[in-house]
Amino acid sequence: MKNFAEMNPNPLVQYLNKPASEFTKADLVKYIVDHNIEMVNFRYVGGDGRLKTLNFVISSLQHLNSILSTGERVDGSSLFPFIQAGSSDLYVVPRYRTAFVNPFSEIPAIDILCSYYNKDGEPLASSPEYILRKAHQALKDTTGYSFEVMGELEYYVISDEEDIYPAVDQKGYHESAPFAKWEFLRVEAMEAMAKAGCLIKYGHSEVGNFTQNGLLYEQNEIEFTPTTLEDAADQLVIAKWILRSLAYKYGVTVTFAPKITVGKAGSGMHIHTRLIKDGRNQMIEDGKLSNIARKAIAGYLDLAPSLTAFGNANPTSYFRLVPHQEAPTNICWGDRNRSVLVRVPLGWAGKNDMIFNANPNEKPVYEDHSQLQTVEFRCPDGSADVYLLLAGLTVAARHGIEMQNALELAEKWYVDVNIFDDCFKDRLAQLNQLPVSCWDSAKVLEKQSEIYEKYDVFPKSVIEGIARKLRSFNDEHLREEISADNNKMLQLVEKYFHCG
């Protein structure tokens, strides 16, 4: 039987015969030398949430060792709006575990994600990636739990309209080729992501598809598997870069924009979470949702209004968060309920014999599948700063565990009906609403800021900067002003088309 390294799609893992988490500088040098790699690319996320690049052509073994040992200087003021030009120099330092073979470069290249450090060689306190690390450490230190998450990445592929095998408008869920035209791009992207170290659960076509002005808009989704908090964030930014690069290769457009046009499904970025202790998933106890899971849910719901500041970061986000468009609007949770903000997905908590019923030749053997249970936060979208969003959710989980009345709030906010159904409008009226604009999101972020700043996780300057940016959109009444105007909606979508 093959070992894990032989089956792992990442060429570095295969060759070095060790998990990426154990990569050393010597490992990378060995792979680079043995495979005639000619270039090293540093990758790091800027203030716009996108990967930036610094290319190095390797000139000698000494040069390679220097690159991997010291990192390099960059201009922070050109990467982040909160850094002044007068003191803008930063270091970018590679994190060896993130190394992967560049799937697009004609020159053999290794790409490595980097962290930011200040002039004193200390982690940059305002760097989103470092804020995420601080949030995770605070959770571990105060509760003893670690955090594992994964994302669901929805996106549209936009191409010329085709008359042959047309898909049914807004009926694209799990459609197959030839009715789904861009399945091959999704599959190619998944393979490239897996080779880059991303842990892929599955991919499929999504609900949204329509034609407009001679163009076909086809929605797809790629879902990951739960992994450590920091790795999950890295995977999402790599995945978005891969999808955009492949779209460019094929001469089409990929967008993660939360809203495309009036009356059509927007794209979200749902986040699944689970708390881990002693290597075990703590979200299930005796086959039922645990109290610790309920406390975390209470934390998510209590901070939900301000979490939009990180996860719904431009005005089009709030055109997605409307009833009957596969997106939440109210602060509540439920089991297997897609109308709520926090959903407990169908799991495998108890003993089940489905596989043996479907396969009578198999000998029944009980397996514990409770490790698979997650809790899903459903309002974020592709405009999010991935690191700050996941840091905020980590703070929310910790906040819920620390809240004295968390279980009472979880009970109060539980909903077991479709809250968008007219017959449940009285229940809907009892629930608080999510913000309806960036302007509203900024207000509630400032109101709840002390929770994020606790344990020195989020610097006050970062909270103030985010609130200032959200207010700069001046969208307090935008949704009611243009929600029925297709032309103005399209102008707004175009403005924020390549968000995140």
Protein backbone atom coordinates (compact mmCIF):
# COMPACT_ATOMS: atom_id res chain seq x y z
CA MET A 1 0.00 0.00 0.00
CA LYS A 2 1.24 3.48 -0.82
CA ASN A 3 2.22 5.74 2.05
CA PHE A 4 0.71 9.18 2.62
CA ALA A 5 3.54 10.95 0.76
CA GLU A 6 3.09 8.89 -2.41
CA MET A 7 -0.64 9.64 -2.48
CA ASN A 8 -0.23 13.31 -1.60
CA PRO A 9 -0.63 15.49 -4.75
CA ASN A 10 1.95 18.07 -3.55
CA PRO A 11 5.23 17.26 -5.41
CA LEU A 12 7.33 18.59 -2.50
CA VAL A 13 5.58 16.32 -0.01
CA GLN A 14 6.06 13.35 -2.36
CA TYR A 15 9.76 13.97 -2.91
CA LEU A 16 10.70 14.96 0.64
CA ASN A 17 8.48 12.25 2.16
CA LYS A 18 7.27 14.46 4.98
CA PRO A 19 4.22 16.68 5.63
CA ALA A 20 4.49 20.33 4.61
CA SER A 21 4.28 21.37 8.27
CA GLU A 22 7.76 19.84 8.75
CA PHE A 23 9.48 21.51 5.77
CA THR A 24 12.87 23.07 6.59
CA LYS A 25 15.14 25.37 4.64
CA ALA A 26 17.39 22.39 3.88
CA ASP A 27 14.38 20.51 2.46
CA LEU A 28 13.54 23.35 0.08
CA VAL A 29 17.16 23.71 -1.02
CA LYS A 30 17.33 19.98 -1.72
CA TYR A 31 14.14 20.03 -3.83
CA ILE A 32 15.22 23.16 -5.71
CA VAL A 33 18.67 21.77 -6.52
CA ASP A 34 17.47 18.26 -7.42
CA HIS A 35 14.69 19.54 -9.69
CA ASN A 36 16.60 22.33 -11.43
CA ILE A 37 14.28 25.02 -10.08
CA GLU A 38 15.43 28.37 -11.49
CA MET A 39 13.22 30.85 -9.65
CA VAL A 40 11.81 31.51 -6.18
CA ASN A 41 8.71 33.68 -5.83
CA PHE A 42 7.75 35.29 -2.53
CA ARG A 43 4.00 35.72 -2.14
CA TYR A 44 2.30 37.89 0.50
CA VAL A 45 -1.15 39.39 0.92
CA GLY A 46 -1.58 43.16 0.59
CA GLY A 47 -4.20 45.44 2.04
CA ASP A 48 -6.56 44.59 -0.84
CA GLY A 49 -6.56 40.91 0.15
CA ARG A 50 -4.75 39.75 -3.00
CA LEU A 51 -1.43 37.95 -3.31
CA LYS A 52 1.55 40.13 -4.21
CA THR A 53 4.76 38.81 -5.79
CA LEU A 54 8.53 39.24 -5.55
CA ASN A 55 10.54 37.20 -8.09
CA PHE A 56 14.08 35.92 -7.56
CA VAL A 57 16.16 34.25 -10.29
CA ILE A 58 18.50 31.90 -8.45
CA SER A 59 22.13 32.67 -9.34
CA SER A 60 23.97 30.37 -6.93
CA LEU A 61 23.54 28.11 -3.93
CA GLN A 62 24.74 30.98 -1.76
CA HIS A 63 22.12 33.27 -3.30
CA LEU A 64 19.38 30.69 -2.70
CA ASN A 65 20.44 30.25 0.91
CA SER A 66 20.37 34.02 1.41
CA ILE A 67 16.88 34.35 -0.05
CA LEU A 68 15.50 31.62 2.18
CA SER A 69 17.39 32.74 5.30
CA THR A 70 16.84 36.50 5.41
CA GLY A 71 13.77 37.31 3.34
CA GLU A 72 13.69 40.70 1.63
CA ARG A 73 12.65 44.35 2.12
CA VAL A 74 9.42 45.75 0.65
CA ASP A 75 7.63 49.12 0.68
CA GLY A 76 4.85 48.74 3.22
CA SER A 77 3.21 52.06 2.32
CA SER A 78 2.47 50.73 -1.16
CA LEU A 79 0.94 47.56 0.28
CA PHE A 80 -1.13 48.86 3.21
CA PRO A 81 -3.00 52.18 3.54
CA PHE A 82 -2.16 52.47 7.24
CA ILE A 83 1.63 52.57 6.76
CA GLN A 84 3.24 55.97 6.22
CA ALA A 85 5.83 56.53 3.47
CA GLY A 86 8.28 58.03 5.98
CA SER A 87 8.71 54.72 7.80
CA SER A 88 7.50 52.21 5.27
CA ASP A 89 10.23 49.56 5.03
CA LEU A 90 9.10 46.07 6.01
CA TYR A 91 10.64 42.63 5.80
CA VAL A 92 8.86 39.72 4.10
CA VAL A 93 10.09 36.41 5.51
CA PRO A 94 9.17 33.04 3.95
CA ARG A 95 7.18 30.40 5.82
CA TYR A 96 8.71 27.15 4.57
CA ARG A 97 5.60 25.01 5.15
CA THR A 98 3.71 27.00 2.49
CA ALA A 99 6.13 26.26 -0.39
CA PHE A 100 4.67 24.84 -3.60
CA VAL A 101 5.59 24.40 -7.24
CA ASN A 102 4.20 27.25 -9.34
CA PRO A 103 1.67 25.62 -11.72
CA PHE A 104 1.76 28.43 -14.29
CA SER A 105 5.38 29.58 -14.60
CA GLU A 106 7.21 28.57 -17.79
CA ILE A 107 10.42 28.92 -15.77
CA PRO A 108 10.55 26.16 -13.09
CA ALA A 109 9.66 28.03 -9.89
CA ILE A 110 8.89 27.51 -6.22
CA ASP A 111 6.44 29.91 -4.56
CA ILE A 112 6.45 30.56 -0.81
CA LEU A 113 4.02 32.59 1.30
CA CYS A 114 5.61 35.17 3.58
CA SER A 115 4.93 36.98 6.85
CA TYR A 116 5.60 40.69 7.49
CA TYR A 117 8.13 41.93 10.07
CA ASN A 118 8.91 45.49 11.15
CA LYS A 119 12.26 47.32 11.26
CA ASP A 120 13.09 45.70 14.62
CA GLY A 121 12.55 42.20 13.28
CA GLU A 122 9.28 41.76 15.16
CA PRO A 123 6.02 40.52 13.55
CA LEU A 124 4.11 43.48 12.12
CA ALA A 125 1.35 43.99 14.71
CA SER A 126 -1.13 45.29 12.12
CA SER A 127 -0.51 42.54 9.57
CA PRO A 128 -3.75 40.55 9.03
CA GLU A 129 -1.79 37.29 8.96
CA TYR A 130 -0.19 38.07 12.34
CA ILE A 131 -3.53 39.17 13.82
CA LEU A 132 -4.84 35.72 12.86
CA ARG A 133 -1.93 34.04 14.66
CA LYS A 134 -2.53 36.20 17.74
CA ALA A 135 -6.25 35.36 17.74
CA HIS A 136 -5.51 31.65 17.64
CA GLN A 137 -2.93 31.87 20.40
CA ALA A 138 -5.32 33.82 22.62
CA LEU A 139 -7.99 31.15 22.10
CA LYS A 140 -5.53 28.39 23.02
CA ASP A 141 -4.17 30.25 26.06
CA THR A 142 -7.54 31.20 27.54
CA THR A 143 -9.68 28.15 26.72
CA GLY A 144 -7.35 25.26 25.89
CA TYR A 145 -9.06 24.77 22.52
CA SER A 146 -7.52 25.08 19.08
CA PHE A 147 -9.51 26.12 16.03
CA GLU A 148 -9.93 24.33 12.73
CA VAL A 149 -11.83 25.87 9.83
CA MET A 150 -12.47 25.52 6.14
CA GLY A 151 -14.02 27.70 3.47
CA GLU A 152 -16.57 27.26 0.71
CA LEU A 153 -15.35 29.36 -2.20
CA GLU A 154 -18.12 30.40 -4.61
CA TYR A 155 -17.37 32.21 -7.86
CA TYR A 156 -18.79 33.00 -11.29
CA VAL A 157 -17.12 32.16 -14.59
CA ILE A 158 -18.13 34.67 -17.25
CA SER A 159 -17.78 33.75 -20.93
CA ASP A 160 -19.46 34.21 -24.29
CA GLU A 161 -22.99 32.81 -24.40
CA GLU A 162 -23.50 29.45 -26.12
CA ASP A 163 -26.77 28.22 -27.61
CA ILE A 164 -25.99 24.51 -27.36
CA TYR A 165 -27.00 22.68 -24.16
CA PRO A 166 -28.18 25.78 -22.29
CA ALA A 167 -28.59 25.48 -18.53
CA VAL A 168 -31.85 26.48 -16.86
CA ASP A 169 -31.73 29.94 -15.29
CA GLN A 170 -30.86 29.74 -11.56
CA LYS A 171 -31.01 25.92 -11.68
CA GLY A 172 -27.31 25.13 -11.94
CA TYR A 173 -26.91 23.26 -8.64
CA HIS A 174 -24.60 20.25 -9.24
CA GLU A 175 -25.25 20.43 -12.99
CA SER A 176 -22.89 18.40 -15.19
CA ALA A 177 -21.26 19.02 -18.55
CA PRO A 178 -22.31 19.74 -21.24
CA PHE A 179 -25.00 21.82 -19.51
CA ALA A 180 -22.29 23.14 -17.16
CA LYS A 181 -19.72 24.69 -19.50
CA TRP A 182 -16.83 25.34 -17.09
CA GLU A 183 -16.57 22.09 -15.16
CA PHE A 184 -13.15 21.44 -16.74
CA LEU A 185 -11.78 24.76 -15.44
CA ARG A 186 -13.00 23.92 -11.97
CA VAL A 187 -11.41 20.46 -12.09
CA GLU A 188 -8.11 21.86 -13.39
CA ALA A 189 -8.16 24.47 -10.62
CA MET A 190 -8.79 21.82 -7.98
CA GLU A 191 -5.84 19.78 -9.21
CA ALA A 192 -3.55 22.85 -9.15
CA MET A 193 -4.77 23.77 -5.66
CA ALA A 194 -4.14 20.25 -4.35
CA LYS A 195 -0.61 20.28 -5.76
CA ALA A 196 -0.08 23.63 -4.03
CA GLY A 197 -0.97 22.08 -0.69
CA CYS A 198 -4.66 22.95 -0.48
CA LEU A 199 -6.90 20.29 1.09
CA ILE A 200 -9.88 19.92 -1.25
CA LYS A 201 -13.15 18.33 -0.19
CA TYR A 202 -15.02 18.64 -3.49
CA GLY A 203 -16.13 20.97 -6.26
CA HIS A 204 -19.43 21.41 -8.09
CA SER A 205 -21.52 23.81 -10.11
CA GLU A 206 -23.74 26.08 -8.03
CA VAL A 207 -27.27 27.45 -8.29
CA GLY A 208 -26.44 30.65 -10.15
CA ASN A 209 -26.37 30.67 -13.92
CA PHE A 210 -27.90 33.13 -16.35
CA THR A 211 -27.22 34.97 -19.59
CA GLN A 212 -27.01 38.74 -19.95
CA ASN A 213 -25.92 40.92 -22.88
CA GLY A 214 -24.53 37.96 -24.79
CA LEU A 215 -22.54 36.61 -21.84
CA LEU A 216 -22.95 33.41 -19.86
CA TYR A 217 -22.60 33.69 -16.07
CA GLU A 218 -21.99 30.28 -14.50
CA GLN A 219 -21.56 29.81 -10.76
CA ASN A 220 -19.25 27.20 -9.26
CA GLU A 221 -18.02 26.25 -5.81
CA ILE A 222 -14.90 24.60 -4.41
CA GLU A 223 -15.02 23.44 -0.81
CA PHE A 224 -12.04 22.61 1.36
CA THR A 225 -11.59 20.27 4.32
CA PRO A 226 -11.06 21.53 7.88
CA THR A 227 -7.47 22.21 8.80
CA THR A 228 -5.51 24.43 11.16
CA LEU A 229 -6.71 28.01 11.24
CA GLU A 230 -3.57 29.50 9.71
CA ASP A 231 -3.36 26.94 6.90
CA ALA A 232 -7.04 27.41 6.06
CA ALA A 233 -6.48 31.12 5.47
CA ASP A 234 -3.42 30.48 3.30
CA GLN A 235 -5.38 27.96 1.22
CA LEU A 236 -8.15 30.41 0.41
CA VAL A 237 -5.82 33.14 -0.87
CA ILE A 238 -3.85 30.60 -2.96
CA ALA A 239 -7.10 29.16 -4.35
CA LYS A 240 -8.37 32.57 -5.47
CA TRP A 241 -5.05 33.30 -7.17
CA ILE A 242 -5.15 29.94 -8.99
CA LEU A 243 -8.72 30.45 -10.20
CA ARG A 244 -7.97 33.92 -11.54
CA SER A 245 -4.77 32.73 -13.23
CA LEU A 246 -6.60 29.85 -14.94
CA ALA A 247 -9.39 32.16 -16.06
CA TYR A 248 -6.80 34.43 -17.66
CA LYS A 249 -5.24 31.40 -19.35
CA TYR A 250 -8.59 30.51 -20.96
CA GLY A 251 -9.57 34.07 -21.82
CA VAL A 252 -12.58 34.20 -19.48
CA THR A 253 -13.28 36.08 -16.26
CA VAL A 254 -13.65 34.69 -12.75
CA THR A 255 -15.21 36.91 -10.09
CA PHE A 256 -15.82 36.39 -6.39
CA ALA A 257 -18.04 39.49 -6.25
CA PRO A 258 -20.87 39.01 -3.74
CA LYS A 259 -23.51 40.29 -6.14
CA ILE A 260 -23.72 40.12 -9.93
CA THR A 261 -27.13 41.56 -10.79
CA VAL A 262 -30.67 41.98 -9.45
CA GLY A 263 -32.59 38.79 -8.68
CA LYS A 264 -29.73 36.34 -9.20
CA ALA A 265 -27.81 34.35 -6.62
CA GLY A 266 -24.71 36.10 -5.32
CA SER A 267 -21.49 34.40 -4.27
CA GLY A 268 -20.69 33.78 -0.64
CA MET A 269 -17.71 32.37 1.21
CA HIS A 270 -19.22 30.29 3.99
CA ILE A 271 -16.81 29.32 6.78
CA HIS A 272 -17.07 26.00 8.66
CA THR A 273 -15.55 25.82 12.14
CA ARG A 274 -14.77 23.29 14.83
CA LEU A 275 -13.05 23.45 18.21
CA ILE A 276 -10.39 20.82 18.91
CA LYS A 277 -8.98 19.54 22.21
CA ASP A 278 -6.61 16.62 22.69
CA GLY A 279 -6.96 15.85 19.00
CA ARG A 280 -10.74 15.42 19.20
CA ASN A 281 -13.57 17.46 17.71
CA GLN A 282 -15.45 19.05 20.61
CA MET A 283 -18.56 20.07 18.66
CA ILE A 284 -20.33 16.77 19.37
CA GLU A 285 -20.95 15.07 22.72
CA ASP A 286 -22.90 11.81 23.10
CA GLY A 287 -24.16 12.13 19.54
CA LYS A 288 -25.54 15.65 20.04
CA LEU A 289 -24.30 19.20 19.60
CA SER A 290 -22.12 19.95 22.61
CA ASN A 291 -22.46 22.84 25.04
CA ILE A 292 -19.07 24.15 23.93
CA ALA A 293 -20.39 24.26 20.34
CA ARG A 294 -23.48 26.14 21.52
CA LYS A 295 -21.28 28.65 23.36
CA ALA A 296 -19.20 29.21 20.24
CA ILE A 297 -22.41 29.71 18.24
CA ALA A 298 -23.57 32.30 20.78
CA GLY A 299 -20.25 34.09 20.29
CA TYR A 300 -20.65 34.07 16.51
CA LEU A 301 -24.16 35.49 16.79
CA ASP A 302 -23.28 38.11 19.38
CA LEU A 303 -20.44 39.45 17.21
CA ALA A 304 -22.14 38.77 13.87
CA PRO A 305 -22.96 42.43 13.17
CA SER A 306 -19.31 43.50 13.55
CA LEU A 307 -17.93 40.39 11.82
CA THR A 308 -19.44 41.82 8.64
CA ALA A 309 -16.71 44.49 8.81
CA PHE A 310 -14.18 41.76 7.93
CA GLY A 311 -16.34 39.41 5.86
CA ASN A 312 -18.61 41.77 3.89
CA ALA A 313 -16.23 44.53 2.96
CA ASN A 314 -17.77 46.53 0.11
CA PRO A 315 -21.21 47.94 -0.73
CA THR A 316 -22.22 45.06 -3.05
CA SER A 317 -21.96 42.67 -0.08
CA TYR A 318 -25.19 44.06 1.32
CA PHE A 319 -27.12 43.53 -1.91
CA ARG A 320 -26.44 39.80 -1.44
CA LEU A 321 -27.74 39.75 2.14
CA VAL A 322 -31.42 39.93 1.21
CA PRO A 323 -34.28 37.42 1.62
CA HIS A 324 -34.74 34.49 -0.80
CA GLN A 325 -31.24 34.82 -2.33
CA GLU A 326 -29.46 31.92 -0.53
CA ALA A 327 -28.00 34.36 2.02
CA PRO A 328 -28.82 35.23 5.65
CA THR A 329 -30.35 38.49 6.83
CA ASN A 330 -31.12 37.88 10.51
CA ILE A 331 -29.10 36.84 13.55
CA CYS A 332 -30.13 33.28 14.39
CA TRP A 333 -28.99 29.68 14.04
CA GLY A 334 -30.46 26.27 13.36
CA ASP A 335 -29.91 22.67 12.31
CA ARG A 336 -29.70 21.99 8.57
CA ASN A 337 -31.49 25.33 8.01
CA ARG A 338 -30.23 27.40 5.07
CA SER A 339 -32.25 30.50 6.01
CA VAL A 340 -30.18 31.13 9.16
CA LEU A 341 -26.88 32.89 9.78
CA VAL A 342 -25.20 30.01 11.62
CA ARG A 343 -26.07 26.53 10.41
CA VAL A 344 -25.29 23.15 11.95
CA PRO A 345 -24.94 21.02 8.81
CA LEU A 346 -26.24 17.48 8.58
CA GLY A 347 -23.58 15.29 10.16
CA TRP A 348 -22.80 11.68 10.94
CA ALA A 349 -22.99 11.93 14.73
CA GLY A 350 -24.64 8.60 15.44
CA LYS A 351 -24.23 5.05 14.24
CA ASN A 352 -25.45 4.65 10.67
CA ASP A 353 -25.68 1.76 8.26
CA MET A 354 -26.26 3.67 5.04
CA ILE A 355 -23.09 2.46 3.34
CA PHE A 356 -23.91 -1.16 4.15
CA ASN A 357 -27.46 -0.75 2.91
CA ALA A 358 -26.12 0.64 -0.36
CA ASN A 359 -23.42 -2.05 -0.54
CA PRO A 360 -24.83 -5.36 0.77
CA ASN A 361 -21.51 -7.17 0.22
CA GLU A 362 -19.77 -4.98 2.78
CA LYS A 363 -19.43 -6.28 6.34
CA PRO A 364 -20.95 -3.81 8.82
CA VAL A 365 -18.27 -2.16 10.97
CA TYR A 366 -19.14 0.76 13.24
CA GLU A 367 -17.04 3.87 12.66
CA ASP A 368 -17.18 7.13 14.64
CA HIS A 369 -17.89 9.94 12.17
CA SER A 370 -18.55 12.63 14.78
CA GLN A 371 -15.16 14.18 13.97
CA LEU A 372 -16.72 15.47 10.75
CA GLN A 373 -19.22 17.79 12.44
CA THR A 374 -18.73 21.51 11.85
CA VAL A 375 -20.67 24.73 12.47
CA GLU A 376 -21.10 27.02 9.46
CA PHE A 377 -21.03 30.84 9.42
CA ARG A 378 -22.90 31.90 6.29
CA CYS A 379 -22.74 35.66 5.74
CA PRO A 380 -19.12 36.27 4.51
CA ASP A 381 -18.34 36.67 0.83
CA GLY A 382 -15.43 37.07 -1.57
CA SER A 383 -14.81 40.68 -0.57
CA ALA A 384 -13.48 39.50 2.80
CA ASP A 385 -9.96 39.93 4.06
CA VAL A 386 -9.56 36.20 4.72
CA TYR A 387 -7.07 36.58 7.57
CA LEU A 388 -9.06 39.24 9.42
CA LEU A 389 -12.34 37.36 8.90
CA LEU A 390 -10.95 34.13 10.35
CA ALA A 391 -9.27 36.09 13.15
CA GLY A 392 -12.64 37.69 13.93
CA LEU A 393 -14.38 34.31 14.00
CA THR A 394 -11.69 32.99 16.33
CA VAL A 395 -12.28 35.95 18.65
CA ALA A 396 -16.03 35.24 18.45
CA ALA A 397 -15.55 31.58 19.43
CA ARG A 398 -13.43 32.63 22.41
CA HIS A 399 -15.95 35.33 23.30
CA GLY A 400 -18.77 32.78 23.31
CA ILE A 401 -16.86 30.44 25.62
CA GLU A 402 -16.17 33.34 27.99
CA MET A 403 -19.78 34.67 28.00
CA GLN A 404 -21.68 33.86 31.20
CA ASN A 405 -25.06 33.66 29.44
CA ALA A 406 -23.90 31.98 26.21
CA LEU A 407 -26.15 28.92 26.51
CA GLU A 408 -29.20 31.08 27.25
CA LEU A 409 -28.49 33.24 24.20
CA ALA A 410 -27.98 30.18 22.02
CA GLU A 411 -31.40 28.89 23.11
CA LYS A 412 -33.00 32.28 22.49
CA TRP A 413 -31.57 32.63 18.98
CA TYR A 414 -32.38 29.08 17.82
CA VAL A 415 -34.73 28.83 14.82
CA ASP A 416 -36.15 25.62 13.36
CA VAL A 417 -38.23 27.12 10.53
CA ASN A 418 -37.61 28.92 7.25
CA ILE A 419 -37.69 32.47 8.52
CA PHE A 420 -38.35 33.81 5.00
CA ASP A 421 -41.68 31.96 4.84
CA ASP A 422 -44.56 34.41 5.28
CA CYS A 423 -46.24 32.21 7.88
CA PHE A 424 -43.24 32.70 10.21
CA LYS A 425 -43.03 36.50 9.92
CA ASP A 426 -43.77 36.89 13.66
CA ARG A 427 -40.67 34.84 14.50
CA LEU A 428 -38.66 36.85 11.98
CA ALA A 429 -39.73 40.10 13.66
CA GLN A 430 -38.23 38.88 16.95
CA LEU A 431 -34.74 38.52 15.47
CA ASN A 432 -32.07 41.19 15.13
CA GLN A 433 -30.89 42.03 11.63
CA LEU A 434 -27.42 42.04 10.12
CA PRO A 435 -26.10 45.43 9.00
CA VAL A 436 -27.51 46.64 5.67
CA SER A 437 -24.48 48.69 4.59
CA CYS A 438 -20.77 49.20 5.16
CA TRP A 439 -21.75 52.33 7.06
CA ASP A 440 -23.82 50.31 9.55
CA SER A 441 -21.09 47.70 9.81
CA ALA A 442 -18.54 50.37 10.77
CA LYS A 443 -20.80 51.64 13.55
CA VAL A 444 -21.24 48.24 15.16
CA LEU A 445 -17.53 47.39 14.77
CA GLU A 446 -16.65 50.45 16.83
CA LYS A 447 -19.30 49.52 19.39
CA GLN A 448 -17.90 45.99 19.83
CA SER A 449 -14.24 46.91 19.32
CA GLU A 450 -13.11 46.13 22.88
CA ILE A 451 -13.86 42.44 22.36
CA TYR A 452 -11.55 42.29 19.33
CA GLU A 453 -8.84 44.32 21.06
CA LYS A 454 -8.90 42.09 24.16
CA TYR A 455 -5.65 40.14 24.75
CA ASP A 456 -3.99 42.52 22.24
CA VAL A 457 -5.33 40.55 19.26
CA PHE A 458 -6.60 43.38 17.04
CA PRO A 459 -4.65 46.65 17.33
CA LYS A 460 -6.93 49.62 17.95
CA SER A 461 -5.46 51.32 14.88
CA VAL A 462 -6.59 48.42 12.68
CA ILE A 463 -10.16 48.58 13.99
CA GLU A 464 -10.22 52.35 13.44
CA GLY A 465 -8.76 51.98 9.95
CA ILE A 466 -11.35 49.38 8.92
CA ALA A 467 -14.20 51.49 10.25
CA ARG A 468 -12.83 54.52 8.40
CA LYS A 469 -12.59 52.56 5.15
CA LEU A 470 -16.14 51.22 5.50
CA ARG A 471 -17.52 54.71 6.10
CA SER A 472 -15.67 56.02 3.04
CA PHE A 473 -18.08 54.06 0.81
CA ASN A 474 -20.84 56.42 2.00
CA ASP A 475 -23.45 53.73 1.38
CA GLU A 476 -25.76 54.28 4.34
CA HIS A 477 -28.86 54.48 2.13
CA LEU A 478 -27.47 52.95 -1.05
CA ARG A 479 -29.43 49.71 -0.95
CA GLU A 480 -32.86 51.37 -0.98
CA GLU A 481 -31.68 53.96 -3.52
CA ILE A 482 -30.57 51.59 -6.30
CA SER A 483 -31.84 48.08 -5.43
CA ALA A 484 -34.44 48.18 -8.23
CA ASP A 485 -32.23 49.95 -10.78
CA ASN A 486 -30.41 47.35 -12.89
CA ASN A 487 -28.11 49.85 -14.59
CA LYS A 488 -26.92 51.39 -11.33
CA MET A 489 -26.54 47.93 -9.82
CA LEU A 490 -24.33 46.84 -12.75
CA GLN A 491 -22.20 49.97 -12.39
CA LEU A 492 -21.69 49.16 -8.71
CA VAL A 493 -20.85 45.52 -9.44
CA GLU A 494 -18.33 46.56 -12.07
CA LYS A 495 -16.65 48.92 -9.60
CA TYR A 496 -16.05 46.10 -7.08
CA PHE A 497 -15.88 43.25 -9.58
CA HIS A 498 -12.41 41.97 -8.59
CA CYS A 499 -12.74 42.32 -4.84
CA GLY A 500 -10.69 40.25 -2.43
